[in-house]
Amino acid sequence: MTVEVLDFLKGTADKQLVVRMITAPDQESEVPPALVEGEDYVLFLTPFEWERGKPTGEWVVPGGAGVYQVDSTGQLDRKSRGEDAIPAVIDSLRDIRSLL
């Protein structure tokens, strides 16, 4: 899917990115949700590669763990849940910036 980039919290890339939403077959609880057109998200991405060291120009959310939907108050809600230390809710973009 192609997403429009409104801002970067870290790093740089094009203003439109092709994002693959994939996960390992044994991680059923971590299947990333589909993004809804018109909604705002914070995505933690890494370059997608079929072969190590050869980026495809596409991006991926590793294991689906880095997808947060921004609600009307500016709170970020993690769209996938798992048995990990990644926060389920982040109060604001300012709080994310302090984690980077």
PDB file of N, CA and C in Angstrom:
ATOM      1  N   MET A   1       0.847  -1.159   0.000  1.00  0.00           N
ATOM      2  CA  MET A   1       0.000   0.000   0.000  1.00  0.00           C
ATOM      3  C   MET A   1       0.898   1.229   0.000  1.00  0.00           C
ATOM      4  N   THR A   2       0.439   2.287  -0.617  1.00  0.00           N
ATOM      5  CA  THR A   2       1.187   3.538  -0.655  1.00  0.00           C
ATOM      6  C   THR A   2       0.646   4.463   0.420  1.00  0.00           C
ATOM      7  N   VAL A   3       1.558   5.036   1.209  1.00  0.00           N
ATOM      8  CA  VAL A   3       1.151   5.963   2.265  1.00  0.00           C
ATOM      9  C   VAL A   3       1.800   7.320   2.017  1.00  0.00           C
ATOM     10  N   GLU A   4       1.115   8.378   2.433  1.00  0.00           N
ATOM     11  CA  GLU A   4       1.637   9.734   2.344  1.00  0.00           C
ATOM     12  C   GLU A   4       2.311  10.068   3.664  1.00  0.00           C
ATOM     13  N   VAL A   5       3.523  10.574   3.589  1.00  0.00           N
ATOM     14  CA  VAL A   5       4.282  10.934   4.784  1.00  0.00           C
ATOM     15  C   VAL A   5       4.031  12.405   5.103  1.00  0.00           C
ATOM     16  N   LEU A   6       3.543  12.658   6.305  1.00  0.00           N
ATOM     17  CA  LEU A   6       3.287  14.031   6.735  1.00  0.00           C
ATOM     18  C   LEU A   6       4.475  14.609   7.498  1.00  0.00           C
ATOM     19  N   ASP A   7       5.206  13.742   8.214  1.00  0.00           N
ATOM     20  CA  ASP A   7       6.322  14.195   9.040  1.00  0.00           C
ATOM     21  C   ASP A   7       7.212  12.993   9.332  1.00  0.00           C
ATOM     22  N   PHE A   8       8.463  13.273   9.638  1.00  0.00           N
ATOM     23  CA  PHE A   8       9.405  12.239  10.037  1.00  0.00           C
ATOM     24  C   PHE A   8       9.794  12.475  11.481  1.00  0.00           C
ATOM     25  N   LEU A   9       9.753  11.426  12.288  1.00  0.00           N
ATOM     26  CA  LEU A   9      10.230  11.537  13.661  1.00  0.00           C
ATOM     27  C   LEU A   9      11.731  11.299  13.719  1.00  0.00           C
ATOM     28  N   LYS A  10      12.216  10.490  12.771  1.00  0.00           N
ATOM     29  CA  LYS A  10      13.648  10.177  12.698  1.00  0.00           C
ATOM     30  C   LYS A  10      13.937   9.711  11.277  1.00  0.00           C
ATOM     31  N   GLY A  11      15.048  10.120  10.729  1.00  0.00           N
ATOM     32  CA  GLY A  11      15.407   9.709   9.386  1.00  0.00           C
ATOM     33  C   GLY A  11      14.668  10.504   8.325  1.00  0.00           C
ATOM     34  N   THR A  12      14.863  10.101   7.080  1.00  0.00           N
ATOM     35  CA  THR A  12      14.201  10.755   5.953  1.00  0.00           C
ATOM     36  C   THR A  12      13.836   9.700   4.914  1.00  0.00           C
ATOM     37  N   ALA A  13      12.913  10.054   4.072  1.00  0.00           N
ATOM     38  CA  ALA A  13      12.505   9.201   2.951  1.00  0.00           C
ATOM     39  C   ALA A  13      11.651  10.061   2.033  1.00  0.00           C
ATOM     40  N   ASP A  14      11.111   9.438   1.004  1.00  0.00           N
ATOM     41  CA  ASP A  14      10.218  10.153   0.104  1.00  0.00           C
ATOM     42  C   ASP A  14       8.930  10.537   0.820  1.00  0.00           C
ATOM     43  N   LYS A  15       8.164  11.450   0.219  1.00  0.00           N
ATOM     44  CA  LYS A  15       6.887  11.872   0.803  1.00  0.00           C
ATOM     45  C   LYS A  15       5.783  10.844   0.570  1.00  0.00           C
ATOM     46  N   GLN A  16       6.000   9.906  -0.310  1.00  0.00           N
ATOM     47  CA  GLN A  16       5.101   8.772  -0.479  1.00  0.00           C
ATOM     48  C   GLN A  16       5.939   7.512  -0.423  1.00  0.00           C
ATOM     49  N   LEU A  17       5.474   6.544   0.371  1.00  0.00           N
ATOM     50  CA  LEU A  17       6.210   5.294   0.541  1.00  0.00           C
ATOM     51  C   LEU A  17       5.306   4.110   0.255  1.00  0.00           C
ATOM     52  N   VAL A  18       5.892   3.064  -0.311  1.00  0.00           N
ATOM     53  CA  VAL A  18       5.186   1.801  -0.457  1.00  0.00           C
ATOM     54  C   VAL A  18       5.534   0.973   0.771  1.00  0.00           C
ATOM     55  N   VAL A  19       4.491   0.598   1.538  1.00  0.00           N
ATOM     56  CA  VAL A  19       4.680  -0.134   2.791  1.00  0.00           C
ATOM     57  C   VAL A  19       4.075  -1.522   2.644  1.00  0.00           C
ATOM     58  N   ARG A  20       4.877  -2.541   2.951  1.00  0.00           N
ATOM     59  CA  ARG A  20       4.400  -3.927   2.982  1.00  0.00           C
ATOM     60  C   ARG A  20       3.983  -4.241   4.408  1.00  0.00           C
ATOM     61  N   MET A  21       2.792  -4.775   4.580  1.00  0.00           N
ATOM     62  CA  MET A  21       2.304  -5.164   5.897  1.00  0.00           C
ATOM     63  C   MET A  21       2.374  -6.685   5.975  1.00  0.00           C
ATOM     64  N   ILE A  22       3.498  -7.199   6.480  1.00  0.00           N
ATOM     65  CA  ILE A  22       3.707  -8.648   6.536  1.00  0.00           C
ATOM     66  C   ILE A  22       4.205  -9.038   7.914  1.00  0.00           C
ATOM     67  N   THR A  23       4.141 -10.341   8.189  1.00  0.00           N
ATOM     68  CA  THR A  23       4.673 -10.886   9.431  1.00  0.00           C
ATOM     69  C   THR A  23       4.977 -12.359   9.215  1.00  0.00           C
ATOM     70  N   ALA A  24       5.682 -12.941  10.150  1.00  0.00           N
ATOM     71  CA  ALA A  24       6.000 -14.369  10.060  1.00  0.00           C
ATOM     72  C   ALA A  24       4.737 -15.203  10.291  1.00  0.00           C
ATOM     73  N   PRO A  25       4.603 -16.343   9.600  1.00  0.00           N
ATOM     74  CA  PRO A  25       3.394 -17.158   9.738  1.00  0.00           C
ATOM     75  C   PRO A  25       3.121 -17.627  11.165  1.00  0.00           C
ATOM     76  N   ASP A  26       4.161 -17.789  11.973  1.00  0.00           N
ATOM     77  CA  ASP A  26       3.984 -18.267  13.348  1.00  0.00           C
ATOM     78  C   ASP A  26       3.646 -17.146  14.330  1.00  0.00           C
ATOM     79  N   GLN A  27       3.430 -15.946  13.844  1.00  0.00           N
ATOM     80  CA  GLN A  27       3.125 -14.813  14.705  1.00  0.00           C
ATOM     81  C   GLN A  27       1.691 -14.340  14.476  1.00  0.00           C
ATOM     82  N   GLU A  28       0.733 -15.250  14.571  1.00  0.00           N
ATOM     83  CA  GLU A  28      -0.650 -14.911  14.252  1.00  0.00           C
ATOM     84  C   GLU A  28      -1.180 -13.755  15.085  1.00  0.00           C
ATOM     85  N   SER A  29      -0.772 -13.662  16.357  1.00  0.00           N
ATOM     86  CA  SER A  29      -1.268 -12.571  17.203  1.00  0.00           C
ATOM     87  C   SER A  29      -0.648 -11.232  16.832  1.00  0.00           C
ATOM     88  N   GLU A  30       0.384 -11.273  16.033  1.00  0.00           N
ATOM     89  CA  GLU A  30       1.087 -10.051  15.661  1.00  0.00           C
ATOM     90  C   GLU A  30       0.800  -9.625  14.223  1.00  0.00           C
ATOM     91  N   VAL A  31      -0.198 -10.208  13.595  1.00  0.00           N
ATOM     92  CA  VAL A  31      -0.518  -9.817  12.216  1.00  0.00           C
ATOM     93  C   VAL A  31      -0.884  -8.347  12.210  1.00  0.00           C
ATOM     94  N   PRO A  32      -0.181  -7.550  11.428  1.00  0.00           N
ATOM     95  CA  PRO A  32      -0.464  -6.117  11.432  1.00  0.00           C
ATOM     96  C   PRO A  32      -1.833  -5.823  10.836  1.00  0.00           C
ATOM     97  N   PRO A  33      -2.513  -4.865  11.391  1.00  0.00           N
ATOM     98  CA  PRO A  33      -3.825  -4.503  10.856  1.00  0.00           C
ATOM     99  C   PRO A  33      -3.688  -3.709   9.563  1.00  0.00           C
ATOM    100  N   ALA A  34      -4.744  -3.726   8.780  1.00  0.00           N
ATOM    101  CA  ALA A  34      -4.763  -2.894   7.584  1.00  0.00           C
ATOM    102  C   ALA A  34      -4.881  -1.435   8.001  1.00  0.00           C
ATOM    103  N   LEU A  35      -4.226  -0.567   7.276  1.00  0.00           N
ATOM    104  CA  LEU A  35      -4.344   0.862   7.537  1.00  0.00           C
ATOM    105  C   LEU A  35      -5.613   1.370   6.854  1.00  0.00           C
ATOM    106  N   VAL A  36      -6.301   2.284   7.514  1.00  0.00           N
ATOM    107  CA  VAL A  36      -7.549   2.831   6.991  1.00  0.00           C
ATOM    108  C   VAL A  36      -7.262   4.161   6.310  1.00  0.00           C
ATOM    109  N   GLU A  37      -7.699   4.289   5.061  1.00  0.00           N
ATOM    110  CA  GLU A  37      -7.489   5.525   4.316  1.00  0.00           C
ATOM    111  C   GLU A  37      -8.120   6.702   5.052  1.00  0.00           C
ATOM    112  N   GLY A  38      -7.378   7.809   5.130  1.00  0.00           N
ATOM    113  CA  GLY A  38      -7.871   9.020   5.780  1.00  0.00           C
ATOM    114  C   GLY A  38      -7.528   9.114   7.254  1.00  0.00           C
ATOM    115  N   GLU A  39      -7.046   8.032   7.852  1.00  0.00           N
ATOM    116  CA  GLU A  39      -6.639   8.047   9.260  1.00  0.00           C
ATOM    117  C   GLU A  39      -5.154   8.375   9.341  1.00  0.00           C
ATOM    118  N   ASP A  40      -4.724   8.912  10.503  1.00  0.00           N
ATOM    119  CA  ASP A  40      -3.312   9.214  10.721  1.00  0.00           C
ATOM    120  C   ASP A  40      -2.672   8.119  11.561  1.00  0.00           C
ATOM    121  N   TYR A  41      -1.435   7.773  11.191  1.00  0.00           N
ATOM    122  CA  TYR A  41      -0.693   6.728  11.875  1.00  0.00           C
ATOM    123  C   TYR A  41       0.733   7.190  12.108  1.00  0.00           C
ATOM    124  N   VAL A  42       1.361   6.597  13.092  1.00  0.00           N
ATOM    125  CA  VAL A  42       2.804   6.671  13.253  1.00  0.00           C
ATOM    126  C   VAL A  42       3.301   5.262  12.968  1.00  0.00           C
ATOM    127  N   LEU A  43       4.201   5.149  11.989  1.00  0.00           N
ATOM    128  CA  LEU A  43       4.740   3.853  11.590  1.00  0.00           C
ATOM    129  C   LEU A  43       6.243   3.824  11.851  1.00  0.00           C
ATOM    130  N   PHE A  44       6.696   2.775  12.471  1.00  0.00           N
ATOM    131  CA  PHE A  44       8.125   2.552  12.633  1.00  0.00           C
ATOM    132  C   PHE A  44       8.524   1.577  11.538  1.00  0.00           C
ATOM    133  N   LEU A  45       9.314   2.070  10.577  1.00  0.00           N
ATOM    134  CA  LEU A  45       9.603   1.322   9.353  1.00  0.00           C
ATOM    135  C   LEU A  45      11.076   1.000   9.213  1.00  0.00           C
ATOM    136  N   THR A  46      11.331  -0.026   8.433  1.00  0.00           N
ATOM    137  CA  THR A  46      12.686  -0.383   8.024  1.00  0.00           C
ATOM    138  C   THR A  46      12.629  -0.742   6.539  1.00  0.00           C
ATOM    139  N   PRO A  47      13.723  -0.551   5.792  1.00  0.00           N
ATOM    140  CA  PRO A  47      13.694  -0.905   4.373  1.00  0.00           C
ATOM    141  C   PRO A  47      13.383  -2.398   4.182  1.00  0.00           C
ATOM    142  N   PHE A  48      12.564  -2.708   3.185  1.00  0.00           N
ATOM    143  CA  PHE A  48      12.228  -4.092   2.863  1.00  0.00           C
ATOM    144  C   PHE A  48      13.253  -4.637   1.885  1.00  0.00           C
ATOM    145  N   GLU A  49      13.725  -5.859   2.152  1.00  0.00           N
ATOM    146  CA  GLU A  49      14.718  -6.508   1.292  1.00  0.00           C
ATOM    147  C   GLU A  49      14.322  -7.953   1.048  1.00  0.00           C
ATOM    148  N   TRP A  50      14.389  -8.389  -0.204  1.00  0.00           N
ATOM    149  CA  TRP A  50      14.257  -9.821  -0.492  1.00  0.00           C
ATOM    150  C   TRP A  50      15.586 -10.501  -0.224  1.00  0.00           C
ATOM    151  N   GLU A  51      16.679  -9.779  -0.571  1.00  0.00           N
ATOM    152  CA  GLU A  51      18.030 -10.273  -0.321  1.00  0.00           C
ATOM    153  C   GLU A  51      18.734  -9.283   0.592  1.00  0.00           C
ATOM    154  N   ARG A  52      19.449  -9.777   1.581  1.00  0.00           N
ATOM    155  CA  ARG A  52      20.145  -8.925   2.537  1.00  0.00           C
ATOM    156  C   ARG A  52      21.054  -7.929   1.815  1.00  0.00           C
ATOM    157  N   GLY A  53      20.902  -6.657   2.183  1.00  0.00           N
ATOM    158  CA  GLY A  53      21.729  -5.601   1.611  1.00  0.00           C
ATOM    159  C   GLY A  53      21.243  -5.056   0.287  1.00  0.00           C
ATOM    160  N   LYS A  54      20.093  -5.545  -0.200  1.00  0.00           N
ATOM    161  CA  LYS A  54      19.544  -5.078  -1.468  1.00  0.00           C
ATOM    162  C   LYS A  54      18.128  -4.541  -1.259  1.00  0.00           C
ATOM    163  N   PRO A  55      18.010  -3.272  -0.831  1.00  0.00           N
ATOM    164  CA  PRO A  55      16.680  -2.696  -0.610  1.00  0.00           C
ATOM    165  C   PRO A  55      15.848  -2.700  -1.893  1.00  0.00           C
ATOM    166  N   THR A  56      14.550  -2.871  -1.735  1.00  0.00           N
ATOM    167  CA  THR A  56      13.632  -2.920  -2.872  1.00  0.00           C
ATOM    168  C   THR A  56      12.996  -1.559  -3.164  1.00  0.00           C
ATOM    169  N   GLY A  57      13.193  -0.603  -2.260  1.00  0.00           N
ATOM    170  CA  GLY A  57      12.511   0.678  -2.385  1.00  0.00           C
ATOM    171  C   GLY A  57      11.191   0.682  -1.624  1.00  0.00           C
ATOM    172  N   GLU A  58      10.829  -0.462  -1.070  1.00  0.00           N
ATOM    173  CA  GLU A  58       9.632  -0.569  -0.249  1.00  0.00           C
ATOM    174  C   GLU A  58      10.038  -0.585   1.223  1.00  0.00           C
ATOM    175  N   TRP A  59       9.051  -0.395   2.097  1.00  0.00           N
ATOM    176  CA  TRP A  59       9.289  -0.341   3.536  1.00  0.00           C
ATOM    177  C   TRP A  59       8.400  -1.355   4.229  1.00  0.00           C
ATOM    178  N   VAL A  60       8.794  -1.766   5.432  1.00  0.00           N
ATOM    179  CA  VAL A  60       8.027  -2.754   6.175  1.00  0.00           C
ATOM    180  C   VAL A  60       8.008  -2.375   7.656  1.00  0.00           C
ATOM    181  N   VAL A  61       6.901  -2.707   8.317  1.00  0.00           N
ATOM    182  CA  VAL A  61       6.788  -2.579   9.764  1.00  0.00           C
ATOM    183  C   VAL A  61       7.191  -3.935  10.327  1.00  0.00           C
ATOM    184  N   PRO A  62       8.370  -4.036  10.960  1.00  0.00           N
ATOM    185  CA  PRO A  62       8.841  -5.349  11.423  1.00  0.00           C
ATOM    186  C   PRO A  62       7.857  -5.994  12.403  1.00  0.00           C
ATOM    187  N   GLY A  63       7.336  -7.168  12.030  1.00  0.00           N
ATOM    188  CA  GLY A  63       6.431  -7.916  12.879  1.00  0.00           C
ATOM    189  C   GLY A  63       5.120  -7.221  13.180  1.00  0.00           C
ATOM    190  N   GLY A  64       4.855  -6.111  12.520  1.00  0.00           N
ATOM    191  CA  GLY A  64       3.621  -5.385  12.762  1.00  0.00           C
ATOM    192  C   GLY A  64       3.587  -4.622  14.066  1.00  0.00           C
ATOM    193  N   ALA A  65       4.709  -4.615  14.786  1.00  0.00           N
ATOM    194  CA  ALA A  65       4.718  -4.029  16.128  1.00  0.00           C
ATOM    195  C   ALA A  65       4.771  -2.512  16.124  1.00  0.00           C
ATOM    196  N   GLY A  66       5.123  -1.901  15.028  1.00  0.00           N
ATOM    197  CA  GLY A  66       5.297  -0.456  15.003  1.00  0.00           C
ATOM    198  C   GLY A  66       4.206   0.308  14.298  1.00  0.00           C
ATOM    199  N   VAL A  67       2.943  -0.071  14.518  1.00  0.00           N
ATOM    200  CA  VAL A  67       1.819   0.636  13.911  1.00  0.00           C
ATOM    201  C   VAL A  67       0.993   1.260  15.030  1.00  0.00           C
ATOM    202  N   TYR A  68       0.956   2.585  15.061  1.00  0.00           N
ATOM    203  CA  TYR A  68       0.149   3.319  16.033  1.00  0.00           C
ATOM    204  C   TYR A  68      -0.828   4.210  15.283  1.00  0.00           C
ATOM    205  N   GLN A  69      -2.099   4.162  15.664  1.00  0.00           N
ATOM    206  CA  GLN A  69      -3.102   5.049  15.080  1.00  0.00           C
ATOM    207  C   GLN A  69      -3.246   6.267  15.992  1.00  0.00           C
ATOM    208  N   VAL A  70      -3.271   7.449  15.380  1.00  0.00           N
ATOM    209  CA  VAL A  70      -3.410   8.699  16.123  1.00  0.00           C
ATOM    210  C   VAL A  70      -4.902   9.000  16.265  1.00  0.00           C
ATOM    211  N   ASP A  71      -5.374   9.149  17.524  1.00  0.00           N
ATOM    212  CA  ASP A  71      -6.797   9.451  17.706  1.00  0.00           C
ATOM    213  C   ASP A  71      -7.031  10.958  17.723  1.00  0.00           C
ATOM    214  N   SER A  72      -8.267  11.363  17.898  1.00  0.00           N
ATOM    215  CA  SER A  72      -8.638  12.780  17.806  1.00  0.00           C
ATOM    216  C   SER A  72      -8.009  13.646  18.898  1.00  0.00           C
ATOM    217  N   THR A  73      -7.530  13.025  19.985  1.00  0.00           N
ATOM    218  CA  THR A  73      -6.884  13.787  21.071  1.00  0.00           C
ATOM    219  C   THR A  73      -5.371  13.844  20.895  1.00  0.00           C
ATOM    220  N   GLY A  74      -4.856  13.132  19.883  1.00  0.00           N
ATOM    221  CA  GLY A  74      -3.412  13.082  19.674  1.00  0.00           C
ATOM    222  C   GLY A  74      -2.759  11.897  20.348  1.00  0.00           C
ATOM    223  N   GLN A  75      -3.528  11.074  21.039  1.00  0.00           N
ATOM    224  CA  GLN A  75      -2.989   9.865  21.665  1.00  0.00           C
ATOM    225  C   GLN A  75      -2.720   8.826  20.594  1.00  0.00           C
ATOM    226  N   LEU A  76      -1.680   8.041  20.787  1.00  0.00           N
ATOM    227  CA  LEU A  76      -1.316   7.003  19.830  1.00  0.00           C
ATOM    228  C   LEU A  76      -1.642   5.644  20.421  1.00  0.00           C
ATOM    229  N   ASP A  77      -2.450   4.856  19.697  1.00  0.00           N
ATOM    230  CA  ASP A  77      -2.866   3.536  20.141  1.00  0.00           C
ATOM    231  C   ASP A  77      -2.226   2.492  19.247  1.00  0.00           C
ATOM    232  N   ARG A  78      -1.487   1.564  19.858  1.00  0.00           N
ATOM    233  CA  ARG A  78      -0.834   0.498  19.102  1.00  0.00           C
ATOM    234  C   ARG A  78      -1.895  -0.420  18.511  1.00  0.00           C
ATOM    235  N   LYS A  79      -1.769  -0.705  17.208  1.00  0.00           N
ATOM    236  CA  LYS A  79      -2.773  -1.486  16.502  1.00  0.00           C
ATOM    237  C   LYS A  79      -2.546  -2.986  16.599  1.00  0.00           C
ATOM    238  N   SER A  80      -1.400  -3.421  17.068  1.00  0.00           N
ATOM    239  CA  SER A  80      -1.175  -4.846  17.275  1.00  0.00           C
ATOM    240  C   SER A  80      -0.743  -5.025  18.727  1.00  0.00           C
ATOM    241  N   ARG A  81      -1.118  -6.127  19.280  1.00  0.00           N
ATOM    242  CA  ARG A  81      -0.766  -6.415  20.669  1.00  0.00           C
ATOM    243  C   ARG A  81       0.068  -7.682  20.704  1.00  0.00           C
ATOM    244  N   GLY A  82       0.968  -7.737  21.641  1.00  0.00           N
ATOM    245  CA  GLY A  82       1.784  -8.933  21.762  1.00  0.00           C
ATOM    246  C   GLY A  82       2.395  -9.010  23.142  1.00  0.00           C
ATOM    247  N   GLU A  83       3.079 -10.083  23.363  1.00  0.00           N
ATOM    248  CA  GLU A  83       3.774 -10.291  24.632  1.00  0.00           C
ATOM    249  C   GLU A  83       5.157  -9.669  24.526  1.00  0.00           C
ATOM    250  N   ASP A  84       5.213  -8.350  24.617  1.00  0.00           N
ATOM    251  CA  ASP A  84       6.486  -7.653  24.498  1.00  0.00           C
ATOM    252  C   ASP A  84       6.447  -6.389  25.338  1.00  0.00           C
ATOM    253  N   ALA A  85       7.537  -5.670  25.335  1.00  0.00           N
ATOM    254  CA  ALA A  85       7.653  -4.460  26.155  1.00  0.00           C
ATOM    255  C   ALA A  85       7.278  -3.194  25.394  1.00  0.00           C
ATOM    256  N   ILE A  86       6.754  -3.326  24.191  1.00  0.00           N
ATOM    257  CA  ILE A  86       6.388  -2.158  23.394  1.00  0.00           C
ATOM    258  C   ILE A  86       5.104  -1.564  23.973  1.00  0.00           C
ATOM    259  N   PRO A  87       5.079  -0.248  24.227  1.00  0.00           N
ATOM    260  CA  PRO A  87       3.890   0.361  24.838  1.00  0.00           C
ATOM    261  C   PRO A  87       2.636   0.214  23.969  1.00  0.00           C
ATOM    262  N   ALA A  88       1.492  -0.055  24.626  1.00  0.00           N
ATOM    263  CA  ALA A  88       0.213  -0.173  23.922  1.00  0.00           C
ATOM    264  C   ALA A  88      -0.365   1.194  23.605  1.00  0.00           C
ATOM    265  N   VAL A  89      -0.079   2.198  24.462  1.00  0.00           N
ATOM    266  CA  VAL A  89      -0.588   3.550  24.283  1.00  0.00           C
ATOM    267  C   VAL A  89       0.551   4.522  24.552  1.00  0.00           C
ATOM    268  N   ILE A  90       0.652   5.528  23.700  1.00  0.00           N
ATOM    269  CA  ILE A  90       1.615   6.612  23.904  1.00  0.00           C
ATOM    270  C   ILE A  90       0.808   7.897  23.903  1.00  0.00           C
ATOM    271  N   ASP A  91       1.024   8.721  24.915  1.00  0.00           N
ATOM    272  CA  ASP A  91       0.172   9.899  25.107  1.00  0.00           C
ATOM    273  C   ASP A  91       0.240  10.929  23.990  1.00  0.00           C
ATOM    274  N   SER A  92       1.412  11.094  23.362  1.00  0.00           N
ATOM    275  CA  SER A  92       1.523  12.120  22.327  1.00  0.00           C
ATOM    276  C   SER A  92       2.767  11.893  21.483  1.00  0.00           C
ATOM    277  N   LEU A  93       2.848  12.614  20.369  1.00  0.00           N
ATOM    278  CA  LEU A  93       4.052  12.562  19.536  1.00  0.00           C
ATOM    279  C   LEU A  93       5.269  13.046  20.312  1.00  0.00           C
ATOM    280  N   ARG A  94       5.062  14.012  21.200  1.00  0.00           N
ATOM    281  CA  ARG A  94       6.179  14.507  22.027  1.00  0.00           C
ATOM    282  C   ARG A  94       6.776  13.369  22.840  1.00  0.00           C
ATOM    283  N   ASP A  95       5.924  12.482  23.378  1.00  0.00           N
ATOM    284  CA  ASP A  95       6.422  11.344  24.148  1.00  0.00           C
ATOM    285  C   ASP A  95       7.200  10.375  23.278  1.00  0.00           C
ATOM    286  N   ILE A  96       6.780  10.185  22.028  1.00  0.00           N
ATOM    287  CA  ILE A  96       7.540   9.318  21.116  1.00  0.00           C
ATOM    288  C   ILE A  96       8.894   9.931  20.829  1.00  0.00           C
ATOM    289  N   ARG A  97       8.926  11.227  20.561  1.00  0.00           N
ATOM    290  CA  ARG A  97      10.200  11.878  20.257  1.00  0.00           C
ATOM    291  C   ARG A  97      11.192  11.694  21.408  1.00  0.00           C
ATOM    292  N   SER A  98      10.706  11.661  22.643  1.00  0.00           N
ATOM    293  CA  SER A  98      11.604  11.484  23.786  1.00  0.00           C
ATOM    294  C   SER A  98      12.158  10.065  23.862  1.00  0.00           C
ATOM    295  N   LEU A  99      11.496   9.101  23.210  1.00  0.00           N
ATOM    296  CA  LEU A  99      11.957   7.714  23.207  1.00  0.00           C
ATOM    297  C   LEU A  99      13.016   7.477  22.136  1.00  0.00           C
ATOM    298  N   LEU A 100      13.087   8.333  21.138  1.00  0.00           N
ATOM    299  CA  LEU A 100      13.994   8.093  20.005  1.00  0.00           C
ATOM    300  C   LEU A 100      15.391   8.523  20.296  1.00  0.00           C
TER     301      LEU A 100
END
